Amino acid sequence: MRLPQPEKLEVTGAEAQRVQERLKGLGVKHEFAGRKNERGQLTHASFLLSGPFPCQAVLRADEAFERFLKRRS
């Protein structure tokens, strides 16, 4: 799935590494920008996501739906 425009995701400094690892693992193209405090610790992070995003759909049907499909065929 692709977005028409890049989307911005803002997270705390504590979440930034986990989010970045997940994006890399999924192969999502992104840009990273972070803000640090006076001690050099990351306090805020922004990711500009441009995709593509992996997408998976799972379809399940119950017996009533299966009977409906059989009647239509």
N, C-alpha and C. Protein backbone atom coordinates (compact mmCIF):
# COMPACT_ATOMS: atom_id res chain seq x y z
N MET A 1 0.83 -1.16 0.00
CA MET A 1 0.00 0.00 0.00
C MET A 1 0.89 1.24 0.00
N ARG A 2 0.51 2.22 -0.76
CA ARG A 2 1.24 3.49 -0.79
C ARG A 2 0.29 4.63 -0.45
N LEU A 3 0.82 5.64 0.20
CA LEU A 3 0.05 6.83 0.52
C LEU A 3 0.24 7.87 -0.58
N PRO A 4 -0.77 8.70 -0.83
CA PRO A 4 -0.61 9.74 -1.85
C PRO A 4 0.46 10.76 -1.47
N GLN A 5 0.63 11.01 -0.17
CA GLN A 5 1.64 11.93 0.33
C GLN A 5 2.33 11.28 1.52
N PRO A 6 3.58 11.64 1.78
CA PRO A 6 4.25 11.10 2.98
C PRO A 6 3.49 11.51 4.25
N GLU A 7 3.51 10.65 5.22
CA GLU A 7 2.80 10.88 6.49
C GLU A 7 3.80 11.01 7.62
N LYS A 8 3.56 11.94 8.53
CA LYS A 8 4.48 12.19 9.64
C LYS A 8 4.01 11.44 10.89
N LEU A 9 4.95 10.76 11.54
CA LEU A 9 4.69 10.03 12.78
C LEU A 9 5.63 10.59 13.83
N GLU A 10 5.07 11.08 14.94
CA GLU A 10 5.88 11.62 16.02
C GLU A 10 5.79 10.70 17.22
N VAL A 11 6.97 10.39 17.82
CA VAL A 11 7.03 9.50 18.98
C VAL A 11 7.98 10.09 20.01
N THR A 12 7.94 9.52 21.20
CA THR A 12 8.87 9.95 22.24
C THR A 12 10.25 9.38 21.95
N GLY A 13 11.24 9.95 22.58
CA GLY A 13 12.60 9.46 22.42
C GLY A 13 12.74 8.00 22.82
N ALA A 14 12.02 7.60 23.86
CA ALA A 14 12.08 6.22 24.34
C ALA A 14 11.52 5.23 23.31
N GLU A 15 10.56 5.66 22.51
CA GLU A 15 9.93 4.78 21.51
C GLU A 15 10.68 4.76 20.17
N ALA A 16 11.53 5.75 19.95
CA ALA A 16 12.13 5.97 18.63
C ALA A 16 12.89 4.76 18.10
N GLN A 17 13.73 4.14 18.91
CA GLN A 17 14.54 3.02 18.43
C GLN A 17 13.65 1.84 18.03
N ARG A 18 12.66 1.53 18.86
CA ARG A 18 11.76 0.41 18.56
C ARG A 18 10.99 0.66 17.27
N VAL A 19 10.49 1.90 17.09
CA VAL A 19 9.74 2.24 15.89
C VAL A 19 10.64 2.16 14.66
N GLN A 20 11.85 2.69 14.76
CA GLN A 20 12.76 2.68 13.62
C GLN A 20 13.14 1.25 13.24
N GLU A 21 13.40 0.40 14.21
CA GLU A 21 13.71 -1.00 13.93
C GLU A 21 12.55 -1.70 13.24
N ARG A 22 11.35 -1.40 13.69
CA ARG A 22 10.15 -2.01 13.09
C ARG A 22 9.97 -1.55 11.64
N LEU A 23 10.15 -0.25 11.40
CA LEU A 23 10.01 0.27 10.03
C LEU A 23 11.05 -0.35 9.11
N LYS A 24 12.28 -0.45 9.59
CA LYS A 24 13.34 -1.07 8.77
C LYS A 24 13.03 -2.54 8.51
N GLY A 25 12.56 -3.24 9.54
CA GLY A 25 12.22 -4.65 9.38
C GLY A 25 11.11 -4.89 8.37
N LEU A 26 10.18 -3.95 8.30
CA LEU A 26 9.07 -4.06 7.34
C LEU A 26 9.43 -3.52 5.97
N GLY A 27 10.58 -2.87 5.86
CA GLY A 27 10.99 -2.32 4.58
C GLY A 27 10.27 -1.04 4.19
N VAL A 28 9.77 -0.30 5.19
CA VAL A 28 9.05 0.94 4.93
C VAL A 28 10.06 2.08 4.77
N LYS A 29 9.99 2.77 3.64
CA LYS A 29 10.89 3.92 3.42
C LYS A 29 10.48 5.05 4.36
N HIS A 30 11.49 5.63 5.01
CA HIS A 30 11.20 6.70 5.96
C HIS A 30 12.42 7.60 6.15
N GLU A 31 12.14 8.80 6.64
CA GLU A 31 13.19 9.74 7.03
C GLU A 31 13.05 9.95 8.53
N PHE A 32 14.17 10.10 9.21
CA PHE A 32 14.17 10.25 10.66
C PHE A 32 14.73 11.60 11.07
N ALA A 33 14.12 12.23 12.05
CA ALA A 33 14.64 13.46 12.65
C ALA A 33 14.39 13.37 14.15
N GLY A 34 15.39 13.72 14.95
CA GLY A 34 15.25 13.63 16.39
C GLY A 34 15.69 14.90 17.09
N ARG A 35 15.12 15.13 18.28
CA ARG A 35 15.53 16.26 19.11
C ARG A 35 16.13 15.72 20.40
N LYS A 36 17.25 16.30 20.78
CA LYS A 36 17.94 15.88 22.00
C LYS A 36 17.91 17.00 23.03
N ASN A 37 17.98 16.62 24.30
CA ASN A 37 18.05 17.61 25.37
C ASN A 37 19.51 18.04 25.58
N GLU A 38 19.73 18.87 26.57
CA GLU A 38 21.08 19.40 26.80
C GLU A 38 22.07 18.31 27.23
N ARG A 39 21.57 17.17 27.68
CA ARG A 39 22.44 16.05 28.05
C ARG A 39 22.71 15.10 26.88
N GLY A 40 22.14 15.43 25.74
CA GLY A 40 22.35 14.60 24.55
C GLY A 40 21.42 13.41 24.44
N GLN A 41 20.39 13.38 25.27
CA GLN A 41 19.42 12.28 25.24
C GLN A 41 18.30 12.61 24.26
N LEU A 42 17.92 11.63 23.48
CA LEU A 42 16.83 11.81 22.51
C LEU A 42 15.51 11.97 23.27
N THR A 43 14.80 13.07 23.03
CA THR A 43 13.53 13.32 23.73
C THR A 43 12.31 13.17 22.82
N HIS A 44 12.44 13.52 21.55
CA HIS A 44 11.34 13.42 20.58
C HIS A 44 11.92 12.94 19.25
N ALA A 45 11.11 12.24 18.51
CA ALA A 45 11.53 11.78 17.19
C ALA A 45 10.38 11.90 16.20
N SER A 46 10.71 12.19 14.96
CA SER A 46 9.72 12.26 13.89
C SER A 46 10.16 11.36 12.76
N PHE A 47 9.22 10.65 12.20
CA PHE A 47 9.46 9.80 11.04
C PHE A 47 8.55 10.29 9.93
N LEU A 48 9.10 10.51 8.77
CA LEU A 48 8.32 10.86 7.60
C LEU A 48 8.21 9.58 6.77
N LEU A 49 7.02 9.01 6.75
CA LEU A 49 6.79 7.69 6.14
C LEU A 49 6.32 7.86 4.71
N SER A 50 6.99 7.17 3.78
CA SER A 50 6.59 7.27 2.39
C SER A 50 6.21 5.91 1.80
N GLY A 51 6.30 4.85 2.57
CA GLY A 51 5.88 3.53 2.11
C GLY A 51 6.89 2.89 1.20
N PRO A 52 6.58 1.83 0.54
CA PRO A 52 5.30 1.12 0.60
C PRO A 52 5.13 0.41 1.94
N PHE A 53 3.88 0.24 2.33
CA PHE A 53 3.55 -0.41 3.59
C PHE A 53 3.05 -1.82 3.30
N PRO A 54 3.58 -2.80 4.00
CA PRO A 54 3.08 -4.16 3.79
C PRO A 54 1.63 -4.25 4.25
N CYS A 55 0.85 -4.94 3.51
CA CYS A 55 -0.57 -5.03 3.82
C CYS A 55 -1.02 -6.47 3.56
N GLN A 56 -1.78 -7.00 4.49
CA GLN A 56 -2.26 -8.37 4.35
C GLN A 56 -3.72 -8.40 4.75
N ALA A 57 -4.52 -9.09 3.98
CA ALA A 57 -5.95 -9.22 4.29
C ALA A 57 -6.26 -10.69 4.56
N VAL A 58 -7.06 -10.93 5.57
CA VAL A 58 -7.50 -12.28 5.90
C VAL A 58 -9.02 -12.28 5.83
N LEU A 59 -9.57 -13.13 4.96
CA LEU A 59 -11.02 -13.22 4.81
C LEU A 59 -11.50 -14.52 5.43
N ARG A 60 -12.55 -14.42 6.22
CA ARG A 60 -13.13 -15.61 6.85
C ARG A 60 -14.63 -15.59 6.58
N ALA A 61 -15.18 -16.76 6.37
CA ALA A 61 -16.62 -16.85 6.13
C ALA A 61 -17.22 -17.89 7.06
N ASP A 62 -18.45 -17.67 7.47
CA ASP A 62 -19.13 -18.67 8.28
C ASP A 62 -19.99 -19.55 7.38
N GLU A 63 -20.65 -20.53 7.96
CA GLU A 63 -21.46 -21.48 7.18
C GLU A 63 -22.59 -20.79 6.43
N ALA A 64 -23.23 -19.82 7.04
CA ALA A 64 -24.34 -19.12 6.38
C ALA A 64 -23.86 -18.42 5.11
N PHE A 65 -22.71 -17.83 5.16
CA PHE A 65 -22.17 -17.16 3.99
C PHE A 65 -21.81 -18.17 2.91
N GLU A 66 -21.26 -19.32 3.32
CA GLU A 66 -20.95 -20.37 2.35
C GLU A 66 -22.22 -20.86 1.65
N ARG A 67 -23.32 -21.05 2.39
CA ARG A 67 -24.59 -21.47 1.77
C ARG A 67 -25.08 -20.40 0.80
N PHE A 68 -24.96 -19.14 1.18
CA PHE A 68 -25.36 -18.05 0.31
C PHE A 68 -24.58 -18.10 -1.00
N LEU A 69 -23.29 -18.32 -0.93
CA LEU A 69 -22.47 -18.37 -2.15
C LEU A 69 -22.86 -19.56 -3.01
N LYS A 70 -23.16 -20.70 -2.40
CA LYS A 70 -23.54 -21.88 -3.17
C LYS A 70 -24.86 -21.66 -3.90
N ARG A 71 -25.81 -20.96 -3.27
CA ARG A 71 -27.09 -20.68 -3.92
C ARG A 71 -26.93 -19.77 -5.12
N ARG A 72 -25.96 -18.89 -5.08
CA ARG A 72 -25.76 -17.91 -6.16
C ARG A 72 -25.02 -18.52 -7.35
N SER A 73 -24.35 -19.64 -7.15
CA SER A 73 -23.56 -20.20 -8.27
C SER A 73 -24.32 -21.25 -9.02
